[in-house]
Amino acid sequence: TTIDDRVLIEAQQISASLRKTIESLRSVLENRPHPSGTFGKTAEALEDINGRMQNVLDRYSEIQAK
């Protein structure tokens, strides 16, 4: 595998891990709302990071397709 492939695999693994973390946080919030909203803000921040990571992966795929 090339360095590009390893970077892509790592990015995909990070993205999958973020998704699992977000799902866990959302589950906690549904069962036990947190008064300060800290967990909600954390989940939103992770979703933003994951969205940005997905943009990088999408862009990488576009470049690889050329």
PDB file of N, CA and C in Angstrom:
ATOM      1  N   THR A   1       0.839  -1.203   0.000  1.00  0.00           N
ATOM      2  CA  THR A   1       0.000   0.000   0.000  1.00  0.00           C
ATOM      3  C   THR A   1       0.871   1.249   0.000  1.00  0.00           C
ATOM      4  N   THR A   2       0.346   2.281  -0.593  1.00  0.00           N
ATOM      5  CA  THR A   2       1.084   3.540  -0.636  1.00  0.00           C
ATOM      6  C   THR A   2       0.789   4.347   0.623  1.00  0.00           C
ATOM      7  N   ILE A   3       1.549   5.406   0.797  1.00  0.00           N
ATOM      8  CA  ILE A   3       1.303   6.307   1.928  1.00  0.00           C
ATOM      9  C   ILE A   3      -0.101   6.882   1.819  1.00  0.00           C
ATOM     10  N   ASP A   4      -0.519   7.239   0.584  1.00  0.00           N
ATOM     11  CA  ASP A   4      -1.865   7.771   0.379  1.00  0.00           C
ATOM     12  C   ASP A   4      -2.923   6.793   0.874  1.00  0.00           C
ATOM     13  N   ASP A   5      -2.741   5.515   0.548  1.00  0.00           N
ATOM     14  CA  ASP A   5      -3.701   4.498   0.981  1.00  0.00           C
ATOM     15  C   ASP A   5      -3.744   4.401   2.501  1.00  0.00           C
ATOM     16  N   ARG A   6      -2.591   4.450   3.127  1.00  0.00           N
ATOM     17  CA  ARG A   6      -2.543   4.352   4.594  1.00  0.00           C
ATOM     18  C   ARG A   6      -3.221   5.555   5.239  1.00  0.00           C
ATOM     19  N   VAL A   7      -2.990   6.742   4.673  1.00  0.00           N
ATOM     20  CA  VAL A   7      -3.628   7.953   5.195  1.00  0.00           C
ATOM     21  C   VAL A   7      -5.140   7.850   5.035  1.00  0.00           C
ATOM     22  N   LEU A   8      -5.590   7.379   3.878  1.00  0.00           N
ATOM     23  CA  LEU A   8      -7.024   7.228   3.627  1.00  0.00           C
ATOM     24  C   LEU A   8      -7.649   6.247   4.619  1.00  0.00           C
ATOM     25  N   ILE A   9      -7.001   5.121   4.825  1.00  0.00           N
ATOM     26  CA  ILE A   9      -7.511   4.115   5.761  1.00  0.00           C
ATOM     27  C   ILE A   9      -7.590   4.693   7.170  1.00  0.00           C
ATOM     28  N   GLU A  10      -6.562   5.402   7.580  1.00  0.00           N
ATOM     29  CA  GLU A  10      -6.542   6.022   8.911  1.00  0.00           C
ATOM     30  C   GLU A  10      -7.681   7.036   9.040  1.00  0.00           C
ATOM     31  N   ALA A  11      -7.866   7.853   8.022  1.00  0.00           N
ATOM     32  CA  ALA A  11      -8.938   8.855   8.050  1.00  0.00           C
ATOM     33  C   ALA A  11     -10.305   8.181   8.128  1.00  0.00           C
ATOM     34  N   GLN A  12     -10.486   7.093   7.396  1.00  0.00           N
ATOM     35  CA  GLN A  12     -11.762   6.368   7.440  1.00  0.00           C
ATOM     36  C   GLN A  12     -11.991   5.770   8.828  1.00  0.00           C
ATOM     37  N   GLN A  13     -10.945   5.256   9.440  1.00  0.00           N
ATOM     38  CA  GLN A  13     -11.067   4.686  10.786  1.00  0.00           C
ATOM     39  C   GLN A  13     -11.397   5.766  11.810  1.00  0.00           C
ATOM     40  N   ILE A  14     -10.768   6.933  11.685  1.00  0.00           N
ATOM     41  CA  ILE A  14     -11.066   8.050  12.586  1.00  0.00           C
ATOM     42  C   ILE A  14     -12.521   8.460  12.426  1.00  0.00           C
ATOM     43  N   SER A  15     -12.970   8.558  11.190  1.00  0.00           N
ATOM     44  CA  SER A  15     -14.347   8.956  10.916  1.00  0.00           C
ATOM     45  C   SER A  15     -15.333   7.948  11.516  1.00  0.00           C
ATOM     46  N   ALA A  16     -15.058   6.670  11.359  1.00  0.00           N
ATOM     47  CA  ALA A  16     -15.930   5.634  11.921  1.00  0.00           C
ATOM     48  C   ALA A  16     -15.948   5.712  13.444  1.00  0.00           C
ATOM     49  N   SER A  17     -14.797   5.955  14.039  1.00  0.00           N
ATOM     50  CA  SER A  17     -14.703   6.084  15.491  1.00  0.00           C
ATOM     51  C   SER A  17     -15.492   7.297  15.978  1.00  0.00           C
ATOM     52  N   LEU A  18     -15.382   8.402  15.262  1.00  0.00           N
ATOM     53  CA  LEU A  18     -16.148   9.603  15.616  1.00  0.00           C
ATOM     54  C   LEU A  18     -17.646   9.327  15.541  1.00  0.00           C
ATOM     55  N   ARG A  19     -18.076   8.627  14.486  1.00  0.00           N
ATOM     56  CA  ARG A  19     -19.507   8.299  14.354  1.00  0.00           C
ATOM     57  C   ARG A  19     -19.994   7.492  15.552  1.00  0.00           C
ATOM     58  N   LYS A  20     -19.206   6.499  15.971  1.00  0.00           N
ATOM     59  CA  LYS A  20     -19.587   5.676  17.130  1.00  0.00           C
ATOM     60  C   LYS A  20     -19.662   6.523  18.397  1.00  0.00           C
ATOM     61  N   THR A  21     -18.696   7.419  18.570  1.00  0.00           N
ATOM     62  CA  THR A  21     -18.688   8.300  19.741  1.00  0.00           C
ATOM     63  C   THR A  21     -19.905   9.208  19.737  1.00  0.00           C
ATOM     64  N   ILE A  22     -20.228   9.773  18.583  1.00  0.00           N
ATOM     65  CA  ILE A  22     -21.399  10.645  18.456  1.00  0.00           C
ATOM     66  C   ILE A  22     -22.670   9.866  18.784  1.00  0.00           C
ATOM     67  N   GLU A  23     -22.795   8.652  18.241  1.00  0.00           N
ATOM     68  CA  GLU A  23     -23.976   7.828  18.522  1.00  0.00           C
ATOM     69  C   GLU A  23     -24.092   7.547  20.014  1.00  0.00           C
ATOM     70  N   SER A  24     -22.974   7.247  20.659  1.00  0.00           N
ATOM     71  CA  SER A  24     -22.985   6.986  22.101  1.00  0.00           C
ATOM     72  C   SER A  24     -23.430   8.218  22.878  1.00  0.00           C
ATOM     73  N   LEU A  25     -22.890   9.378  22.521  1.00  0.00           N
ATOM     74  CA  LEU A  25     -23.273  10.621  23.195  1.00  0.00           C
ATOM     75  C   LEU A  25     -24.750  10.915  22.997  1.00  0.00           C
ATOM     76  N   ARG A  26     -25.235  10.739  21.777  1.00  0.00           N
ATOM     77  CA  ARG A  26     -26.656  10.992  21.494  1.00  0.00           C
ATOM     78  C   ARG A  26     -27.534  10.048  22.317  1.00  0.00           C
ATOM     79  N   SER A  27     -27.106   8.802  22.436  1.00  0.00           N
ATOM     80  CA  SER A  27     -27.855   7.820  23.221  1.00  0.00           C
ATOM     81  C   SER A  27     -27.921   8.233  24.687  1.00  0.00           C
ATOM     82  N   VAL A  28     -26.791   8.674  25.224  1.00  0.00           N
ATOM     83  CA  VAL A  28     -26.749   9.149  26.613  1.00  0.00           C
ATOM     84  C   VAL A  28     -27.690  10.333  26.777  1.00  0.00           C
ATOM     85  N   LEU A  29     -27.663  11.259  25.828  1.00  0.00           N
ATOM     86  CA  LEU A  29     -28.499  12.459  25.908  1.00  0.00           C
ATOM     87  C   LEU A  29     -29.984  12.113  25.871  1.00  0.00           C
ATOM     88  N   GLU A  30     -30.356  11.124  25.046  1.00  0.00           N
ATOM     89  CA  GLU A  30     -31.763  10.732  24.952  1.00  0.00           C
ATOM     90  C   GLU A  30     -32.247  10.148  26.273  1.00  0.00           C
ATOM     91  N   ASN A  31     -31.397   9.389  26.924  1.00  0.00           N
ATOM     92  CA  ASN A  31     -31.787   8.722  28.167  1.00  0.00           C
ATOM     93  C   ASN A  31     -31.659   9.611  29.396  1.00  0.00           C
ATOM     94  N   ARG A  32     -30.755  10.562  29.336  1.00  0.00           N
ATOM     95  CA  ARG A  32     -30.498  11.396  30.510  1.00  0.00           C
ATOM     96  C   ARG A  32     -30.011  12.775  30.070  1.00  0.00           C
ATOM     97  N   PRO A  33     -30.946  13.669  29.750  1.00  0.00           N
ATOM     98  CA  PRO A  33     -30.520  15.004  29.311  1.00  0.00           C
ATOM     99  C   PRO A  33     -29.606  15.664  30.342  1.00  0.00           C
ATOM    100  N   HIS A  34     -28.600  16.332  29.853  1.00  0.00           N
ATOM    101  CA  HIS A  34     -27.616  16.959  30.731  1.00  0.00           C
ATOM    102  C   HIS A  34     -27.963  18.435  30.875  1.00  0.00           C
ATOM    103  N   PRO A  35     -28.144  18.915  32.108  1.00  0.00           N
ATOM    104  CA  PRO A  35     -28.627  20.280  32.306  1.00  0.00           C
ATOM    105  C   PRO A  35     -27.770  21.378  31.685  1.00  0.00           C
ATOM    106  N   SER A  36     -26.472  21.218  31.701  1.00  0.00           N
ATOM    107  CA  SER A  36     -25.613  22.291  31.190  1.00  0.00           C
ATOM    108  C   SER A  36     -25.514  22.275  29.671  1.00  0.00           C
ATOM    109  N   GLY A  37     -25.946  21.194  29.046  1.00  0.00           N
ATOM    110  CA  GLY A  37     -25.840  21.087  27.591  1.00  0.00           C
ATOM    111  C   GLY A  37     -24.442  20.743  27.118  1.00  0.00           C
ATOM    112  N   THR A  38     -23.555  20.401  28.037  1.00  0.00           N
ATOM    113  CA  THR A  38     -22.160  20.114  27.674  1.00  0.00           C
ATOM    114  C   THR A  38     -22.059  18.949  26.696  1.00  0.00           C
ATOM    115  N   PHE A  39     -22.785  17.871  26.982  1.00  0.00           N
ATOM    116  CA  PHE A  39     -22.701  16.703  26.103  1.00  0.00           C
ATOM    117  C   PHE A  39     -23.252  17.023  24.722  1.00  0.00           C
ATOM    118  N   GLY A  40     -24.332  17.810  24.688  1.00  0.00           N
ATOM    119  CA  GLY A  40     -24.897  18.201  23.398  1.00  0.00           C
ATOM    120  C   GLY A  40     -23.909  19.014  22.586  1.00  0.00           C
ATOM    121  N   LYS A  41     -23.232  19.938  23.251  1.00  0.00           N
ATOM    122  CA  LYS A  41     -22.228  20.763  22.566  1.00  0.00           C
ATOM    123  C   LYS A  41     -21.057  19.895  22.098  1.00  0.00           C
ATOM    124  N   THR A  42     -20.693  18.928  22.924  1.00  0.00           N
ATOM    125  CA  THR A  42     -19.607  18.022  22.546  1.00  0.00           C
ATOM    126  C   THR A  42     -20.005  17.207  21.321  1.00  0.00           C
ATOM    127  N   ALA A  43     -21.228  16.693  21.327  1.00  0.00           N
ATOM    128  CA  ALA A  43     -21.709  15.915  20.181  1.00  0.00           C
ATOM    129  C   ALA A  43     -21.722  16.774  18.920  1.00  0.00           C
ATOM    130  N   GLU A  44     -22.171  18.018  19.047  1.00  0.00           N
ATOM    131  CA  GLU A  44     -22.195  18.919  17.889  1.00  0.00           C
ATOM    132  C   GLU A  44     -20.779  19.178  17.376  1.00  0.00           C
ATOM    133  N   ALA A  45     -19.844  19.373  18.281  1.00  0.00           N
ATOM    134  CA  ALA A  45     -18.453  19.608  17.878  1.00  0.00           C
ATOM    135  C   ALA A  45     -17.890  18.386  17.156  1.00  0.00           C
ATOM    136  N   LEU A  46     -18.184  17.197  17.684  1.00  0.00           N
ATOM    137  CA  LEU A  46     -17.703  15.973  17.041  1.00  0.00           C
ATOM    138  C   LEU A  46     -18.346  15.791  15.668  1.00  0.00           C
ATOM    139  N   GLU A  47     -19.636  16.137  15.556  1.00  0.00           N
ATOM    140  CA  GLU A  47     -20.306  16.038  14.262  1.00  0.00           C
ATOM    141  C   GLU A  47     -19.656  16.993  13.257  1.00  0.00           C
ATOM    142  N   ASP A  48     -19.290  18.181  13.713  1.00  0.00           N
ATOM    143  CA  ASP A  48     -18.612  19.144  12.841  1.00  0.00           C
ATOM    144  C   ASP A  48     -17.267  18.590  12.375  1.00  0.00           C
ATOM    145  N   ILE A  49     -16.505  18.050  13.308  1.00  0.00           N
ATOM    146  CA  ILE A  49     -15.201  17.462  12.965  1.00  0.00           C
ATOM    147  C   ILE A  49     -15.391  16.315  11.981  1.00  0.00           C
ATOM    148  N   ASN A  50     -16.394  15.470  12.244  1.00  0.00           N
ATOM    149  CA  ASN A  50     -16.625  14.329  11.372  1.00  0.00           C
ATOM    150  C   ASN A  50     -17.072  14.791   9.983  1.00  0.00           C
ATOM    151  N   GLY A  51     -17.865  15.848   9.922  1.00  0.00           N
ATOM    152  CA  GLY A  51     -18.274  16.392   8.632  1.00  0.00           C
ATOM    153  C   GLY A  51     -17.076  16.904   7.844  1.00  0.00           C
ATOM    154  N   ARG A  52     -16.190  17.577   8.536  1.00  0.00           N
ATOM    155  CA  ARG A  52     -14.976  18.078   7.886  1.00  0.00           C
ATOM    156  C   ARG A  52     -14.098  16.919   7.422  1.00  0.00           C
ATOM    157  N   MET A  53     -14.006  15.867   8.250  1.00  0.00           N
ATOM    158  CA  MET A  53     -13.238  14.680   7.877  1.00  0.00           C
ATOM    159  C   MET A  53     -13.852  14.042   6.630  1.00  0.00           C
ATOM    160  N   GLN A  54     -15.183  13.978   6.581  1.00  0.00           N
ATOM    161  CA  GLN A  54     -15.862  13.394   5.423  1.00  0.00           C
ATOM    162  C   GLN A  54     -15.590  14.221   4.168  1.00  0.00           C
ATOM    163  N   ASN A  55     -15.548  15.547   4.309  1.00  0.00           N
ATOM    164  CA  ASN A  55     -15.217  16.411   3.172  1.00  0.00           C
ATOM    165  C   ASN A  55     -13.823  16.095   2.640  1.00  0.00           C
ATOM    166  N   VAL A  56     -12.884  15.877   3.551  1.00  0.00           N
ATOM    167  CA  VAL A  56     -11.521  15.522   3.146  1.00  0.00           C
ATOM    168  C   VAL A  56     -11.530  14.186   2.399  1.00  0.00           C
ATOM    169  N   LEU A  57     -12.258  13.207   2.933  1.00  0.00           N
ATOM    170  CA  LEU A  57     -12.329  11.893   2.288  1.00  0.00           C
ATOM    171  C   LEU A  57     -12.975  12.000   0.905  1.00  0.00           C
ATOM    172  N   ASP A  58     -14.046  12.798   0.804  1.00  0.00           N
ATOM    173  CA  ASP A  58     -14.715  12.980  -0.487  1.00  0.00           C
ATOM    174  C   ASP A  58     -13.772  13.639  -1.490  1.00  0.00           C
ATOM    175  N   ARG A  59     -13.073  14.663  -1.041  1.00  0.00           N
ATOM    176  CA  ARG A  59     -12.128  15.372  -1.916  1.00  0.00           C
ATOM    177  C   ARG A  59     -11.011  14.431  -2.361  1.00  0.00           C
ATOM    178  N   TYR A  60     -10.522  13.628  -1.438  1.00  0.00           N
ATOM    179  CA  TYR A  60      -9.469  12.657  -1.754  1.00  0.00           C
ATOM    180  C   TYR A  60      -9.964  11.691  -2.831  1.00  0.00           C
ATOM    181  N   SER A  61     -11.207  11.229  -2.685  1.00  0.00           N
ATOM    182  CA  SER A  61     -11.779  10.301  -3.669  1.00  0.00           C
ATOM    183  C   SER A  61     -11.867  10.954  -5.046  1.00  0.00           C
ATOM    184  N   GLU A  62     -12.252  12.231  -5.074  1.00  0.00           N
ATOM    185  CA  GLU A  62     -12.324  12.963  -6.347  1.00  0.00           C
ATOM    186  C   GLU A  62     -10.948  13.033  -7.003  1.00  0.00           C
ATOM    187  N   ILE A  63      -9.937  13.336  -6.207  1.00  0.00           N
ATOM    188  CA  ILE A  63      -8.571  13.452  -6.732  1.00  0.00           C
ATOM    189  C   ILE A  63      -8.096  12.098  -7.253  1.00  0.00           C
ATOM    190  N   GLN A  64      -8.375  11.032  -6.501  1.00  0.00           N
ATOM    191  CA  GLN A  64      -7.945   9.691  -6.904  1.00  0.00           C
ATOM    192  C   GLN A  64      -8.633   9.257  -8.198  1.00  0.00           C
ATOM    193  N   ALA A  65      -9.865   9.726  -8.419  1.00  0.00           N
ATOM    194  CA  ALA A  65     -10.629   9.324  -9.601  1.00  0.00           C
ATOM    195  C   ALA A  65     -10.097   9.964 -10.884  1.00  0.00           C
ATOM    196  N   LYS A  66      -9.336  11.039 -10.746  1.00  0.00           N
ATOM    197  CA  LYS A  66      -8.818  11.748 -11.939  1.00  0.00           C
ATOM    198  C   LYS A  66      -7.631  11.039 -12.542  1.00  0.00           C
TER     199      LYS A  66
END
